[in-house]
Amino acid sequence: MLPEHRKVLEYLDQHTYEDGELCVPFAPICESTRLSRARVRFICRALRRKGLAEFHSALWTEEGYPAGAGYCISKAGVKALEGILE
């Protein structure tokens, strides 16, 4: 796994929940990783294609308001990180 991909996947691991329970848009990932929006977008899509992240659209806040779309880590992403960190 490329270092930038790992950095984004680690961010998702620390700030999201599996199955779309908690997702994040690109902006906070960019701020934390210091990667450009275009690069974060590319990496998130690559992680999704590999099954390590999930994309969820039409997200809602706990108050019932629309909150846009975002990415979260997948079960496979969690397992991949566990394998890397062991």
N, C-alpha and C. Protein backbone atom coordinates (compact mmCIF):
# COMPACT_ATOMS: atom_id res chain seq x y z
N MET A 1 0.85 -1.17 0.00
CA MET A 1 0.00 0.00 0.00
C MET A 1 0.90 1.24 0.00
N LEU A 2 0.57 2.19 -0.84
CA LEU A 2 1.34 3.43 -0.92
C LEU A 2 1.18 4.24 0.36
N PRO A 3 2.22 4.98 0.77
CA PRO A 3 2.15 5.76 2.01
C PRO A 3 0.96 6.72 2.08
N GLU A 4 0.63 7.39 0.97
CA GLU A 4 -0.51 8.31 0.96
C GLU A 4 -1.82 7.56 1.16
N HIS A 5 -1.93 6.39 0.56
CA HIS A 5 -3.14 5.58 0.71
C HIS A 5 -3.28 5.13 2.17
N ARG A 6 -2.17 4.73 2.75
CA ARG A 6 -2.20 4.30 4.15
C ARG A 6 -2.60 5.46 5.05
N LYS A 7 -2.06 6.66 4.77
CA LYS A 7 -2.37 7.84 5.57
C LYS A 7 -3.88 8.12 5.55
N VAL A 8 -4.49 8.06 4.38
CA VAL A 8 -5.93 8.30 4.26
C VAL A 8 -6.71 7.18 4.94
N LEU A 9 -6.30 5.94 4.74
CA LEU A 9 -7.00 4.82 5.37
C LEU A 9 -6.89 4.91 6.90
N GLU A 10 -5.75 5.30 7.42
CA GLU A 10 -5.61 5.47 8.86
C GLU A 10 -6.52 6.58 9.38
N TYR A 11 -6.65 7.66 8.59
CA TYR A 11 -7.58 8.73 8.98
C TYR A 11 -9.00 8.18 9.05
N LEU A 12 -9.40 7.44 8.04
CA LEU A 12 -10.74 6.87 8.04
C LEU A 12 -10.93 5.92 9.23
N ASP A 13 -9.92 5.17 9.56
CA ASP A 13 -9.99 4.26 10.69
C ASP A 13 -10.21 5.01 12.00
N GLN A 14 -9.58 6.14 12.14
CA GLN A 14 -9.65 6.91 13.39
C GLN A 14 -10.88 7.81 13.48
N HIS A 15 -11.51 8.14 12.34
CA HIS A 15 -12.58 9.13 12.36
C HIS A 15 -13.91 8.66 11.78
N THR A 16 -14.02 7.40 11.38
CA THR A 16 -15.28 6.91 10.82
C THR A 16 -15.63 5.56 11.43
N TYR A 17 -16.85 5.14 11.17
CA TYR A 17 -17.31 3.80 11.57
C TYR A 17 -17.69 3.03 10.32
N GLU A 18 -17.57 1.74 10.39
CA GLU A 18 -17.92 0.87 9.27
C GLU A 18 -19.41 0.98 8.95
N ASP A 19 -19.77 0.53 7.75
CA ASP A 19 -21.15 0.43 7.29
C ASP A 19 -21.88 1.77 7.22
N GLY A 20 -21.14 2.86 7.08
CA GLY A 20 -21.77 4.16 6.90
C GLY A 20 -22.33 4.78 8.16
N GLU A 21 -22.03 4.19 9.30
CA GLU A 21 -22.52 4.73 10.58
C GLU A 21 -21.99 6.14 10.81
N LEU A 22 -20.74 6.38 10.43
CA LEU A 22 -20.13 7.71 10.52
C LEU A 22 -19.17 7.84 9.35
N CYS A 23 -19.41 8.81 8.49
CA CYS A 23 -18.59 9.05 7.31
C CYS A 23 -18.03 10.46 7.35
N VAL A 24 -17.02 10.72 6.54
CA VAL A 24 -16.44 12.06 6.46
C VAL A 24 -16.31 12.47 5.00
N PRO A 25 -16.47 13.77 4.72
CA PRO A 25 -16.22 14.28 3.37
C PRO A 25 -14.72 14.51 3.18
N PHE A 26 -14.34 15.01 2.02
CA PHE A 26 -12.93 15.19 1.70
C PHE A 26 -12.22 16.25 2.56
N ALA A 27 -12.91 17.34 2.90
CA ALA A 27 -12.25 18.47 3.57
C ALA A 27 -11.48 18.09 4.84
N PRO A 28 -12.08 17.38 5.78
CA PRO A 28 -11.30 17.05 6.98
C PRO A 28 -10.14 16.09 6.69
N ILE A 29 -10.29 15.24 5.70
CA ILE A 29 -9.19 14.34 5.33
C ILE A 29 -8.03 15.17 4.78
N CYS A 30 -8.36 16.15 3.93
CA CYS A 30 -7.34 17.03 3.36
C CYS A 30 -6.59 17.79 4.45
N GLU A 31 -7.35 18.35 5.40
CA GLU A 31 -6.72 19.11 6.48
C GLU A 31 -5.77 18.25 7.29
N SER A 32 -6.19 17.07 7.63
CA SER A 32 -5.39 16.20 8.48
C SER A 32 -4.17 15.64 7.76
N THR A 33 -4.35 15.23 6.52
CA THR A 33 -3.26 14.59 5.78
C THR A 33 -2.39 15.56 5.01
N ARG A 34 -2.87 16.79 4.85
CA ARG A 34 -2.18 17.83 4.07
C ARG A 34 -2.04 17.44 2.60
N LEU A 35 -2.98 16.65 2.13
CA LEU A 35 -3.03 16.28 0.72
C LEU A 35 -4.08 17.14 0.03
N SER A 36 -3.91 17.36 -1.26
CA SER A 36 -4.88 18.18 -2.00
C SER A 36 -6.22 17.45 -2.11
N ARG A 37 -7.25 18.22 -2.36
CA ARG A 37 -8.59 17.64 -2.52
C ARG A 37 -8.60 16.63 -3.66
N ALA A 38 -7.95 16.96 -4.76
CA ALA A 38 -7.90 16.06 -5.92
C ALA A 38 -7.21 14.75 -5.55
N ARG A 39 -6.14 14.84 -4.77
CA ARG A 39 -5.40 13.63 -4.38
C ARG A 39 -6.22 12.78 -3.41
N VAL A 40 -6.86 13.42 -2.44
CA VAL A 40 -7.71 12.70 -1.48
C VAL A 40 -8.86 12.02 -2.21
N ARG A 41 -9.45 12.73 -3.14
CA ARG A 41 -10.55 12.16 -3.93
C ARG A 41 -10.07 10.91 -4.69
N PHE A 42 -8.93 11.02 -5.33
CA PHE A 42 -8.36 9.89 -6.08
C PHE A 42 -8.09 8.71 -5.15
N ILE A 43 -7.48 8.98 -4.00
CA ILE A 43 -7.14 7.91 -3.06
C ILE A 43 -8.38 7.26 -2.48
N CYS A 44 -9.36 8.05 -2.09
CA CYS A 44 -10.61 7.48 -1.54
C CYS A 44 -11.28 6.58 -2.56
N ARG A 45 -11.30 7.00 -3.80
CA ARG A 45 -11.90 6.17 -4.85
C ARG A 45 -11.10 4.88 -5.06
N ALA A 46 -9.78 4.99 -4.99
CA ALA A 46 -8.93 3.80 -5.14
C ALA A 46 -9.16 2.83 -3.98
N LEU A 47 -9.25 3.37 -2.76
CA LEU A 47 -9.51 2.52 -1.60
C LEU A 47 -10.87 1.85 -1.70
N ARG A 48 -11.85 2.57 -2.24
CA ARG A 48 -13.19 1.99 -2.42
C ARG A 48 -13.15 0.85 -3.43
N ARG A 49 -12.44 1.05 -4.53
CA ARG A 49 -12.33 0.00 -5.55
C ARG A 49 -11.66 -1.26 -4.99
N LYS A 50 -10.73 -1.07 -4.07
CA LYS A 50 -10.05 -2.21 -3.44
C LYS A 50 -10.87 -2.82 -2.31
N GLY A 51 -12.00 -2.20 -1.98
CA GLY A 51 -12.85 -2.72 -0.90
C GLY A 51 -12.41 -2.30 0.48
N LEU A 52 -11.49 -1.35 0.58
CA LEU A 52 -10.97 -0.92 1.87
C LEU A 52 -11.73 0.27 2.46
N ALA A 53 -12.52 0.93 1.64
CA ALA A 53 -13.34 2.06 2.08
C ALA A 53 -14.70 1.96 1.41
N GLU A 54 -15.67 2.67 1.98
CA GLU A 54 -17.02 2.69 1.42
C GLU A 54 -17.45 4.13 1.19
N PHE A 55 -18.23 4.35 0.13
CA PHE A 55 -18.80 5.66 -0.15
C PHE A 55 -20.28 5.60 0.19
N HIS A 56 -20.75 6.62 0.88
CA HIS A 56 -22.17 6.70 1.21
C HIS A 56 -22.69 8.08 0.82
N SER A 57 -23.77 8.09 0.06
CA SER A 57 -24.39 9.35 -0.31
C SER A 57 -25.67 9.53 0.48
N ALA A 58 -26.21 10.71 0.42
CA ALA A 58 -27.46 11.04 1.12
C ALA A 58 -27.35 10.75 2.61
N LEU A 59 -26.28 11.25 3.22
CA LEU A 59 -26.10 11.09 4.66
C LEU A 59 -26.98 12.08 5.40
N TRP A 60 -27.32 11.74 6.63
CA TRP A 60 -28.21 12.58 7.46
C TRP A 60 -27.57 12.80 8.82
N THR A 61 -27.82 13.97 9.40
CA THR A 61 -27.35 14.23 10.75
C THR A 61 -28.27 13.53 11.74
N GLU A 62 -27.87 13.50 13.00
CA GLU A 62 -28.72 12.90 14.02
C GLU A 62 -30.03 13.65 14.19
N GLU A 63 -30.04 14.93 13.80
CA GLU A 63 -31.25 15.74 13.88
C GLU A 63 -32.17 15.55 12.68
N GLY A 64 -31.73 14.76 11.71
CA GLY A 64 -32.56 14.48 10.55
C GLY A 64 -32.37 15.42 9.37
N TYR A 65 -31.25 16.16 9.36
CA TYR A 65 -30.98 17.07 8.25
C TYR A 65 -30.00 16.43 7.27
N PRO A 66 -30.15 16.77 5.96
CA PRO A 66 -29.21 16.22 4.98
C PRO A 66 -27.79 16.69 5.27
N ALA A 67 -26.83 15.79 5.12
CA ALA A 67 -25.44 16.11 5.44
C ALA A 67 -24.48 15.81 4.30
N GLY A 68 -24.98 15.55 3.11
CA GLY A 68 -24.09 15.30 1.98
C GLY A 68 -23.65 13.86 1.86
N ALA A 69 -22.42 13.68 1.42
CA ALA A 69 -21.87 12.34 1.17
C ALA A 69 -20.49 12.25 1.80
N GLY A 70 -20.01 11.02 1.96
CA GLY A 70 -18.68 10.86 2.52
C GLY A 70 -18.18 9.44 2.44
N TYR A 71 -17.00 9.25 2.94
CA TYR A 71 -16.34 7.94 2.94
C TYR A 71 -16.16 7.45 4.37
N CYS A 72 -16.13 6.14 4.51
CA CYS A 72 -15.81 5.51 5.80
C CYS A 72 -14.95 4.28 5.52
N ILE A 73 -14.32 3.79 6.55
CA ILE A 73 -13.52 2.58 6.42
C ILE A 73 -14.45 1.37 6.31
N SER A 74 -14.01 0.36 5.62
CA SER A 74 -14.79 -0.88 5.52
C SER A 74 -14.19 -1.92 6.47
N LYS A 75 -14.89 -3.02 6.64
CA LYS A 75 -14.36 -4.11 7.47
C LYS A 75 -13.03 -4.60 6.91
N ALA A 76 -12.95 -4.69 5.58
CA ALA A 76 -11.69 -5.12 4.95
C ALA A 76 -10.58 -4.11 5.20
N GLY A 77 -10.93 -2.82 5.23
CA GLY A 77 -9.94 -1.78 5.52
C GLY A 77 -9.39 -1.89 6.92
N VAL A 78 -10.27 -2.19 7.88
CA VAL A 78 -9.83 -2.39 9.26
C VAL A 78 -8.87 -3.58 9.33
N LYS A 79 -9.23 -4.66 8.67
CA LYS A 79 -8.39 -5.86 8.68
C LYS A 79 -7.04 -5.59 7.99
N ALA A 80 -7.08 -4.83 6.90
CA ALA A 80 -5.84 -4.51 6.20
C ALA A 80 -4.89 -3.72 7.10
N LEU A 81 -5.43 -2.74 7.83
CA LEU A 81 -4.60 -1.97 8.73
C LEU A 81 -4.07 -2.83 9.87
N GLU A 82 -4.89 -3.72 10.38
CA GLU A 82 -4.43 -4.62 11.44
C GLU A 82 -3.26 -5.46 10.96
N GLY A 83 -3.32 -5.91 9.71
CA GLY A 83 -2.23 -6.70 9.14
C GLY A 83 -0.97 -5.89 8.96
N ILE A 84 -1.12 -4.63 8.62
CA ILE A 84 0.04 -3.76 8.42
C ILE A 84 0.69 -3.42 9.75
N LEU A 85 -0.12 -3.17 10.76
CA LEU A 85 0.40 -2.70 12.04
C LEU A 85 0.91 -3.80 12.95
N GLU A 86 0.62 -5.06 12.61
CA GLU A 86 1.08 -6.17 13.45
C GLU A 86 2.52 -6.52 13.19
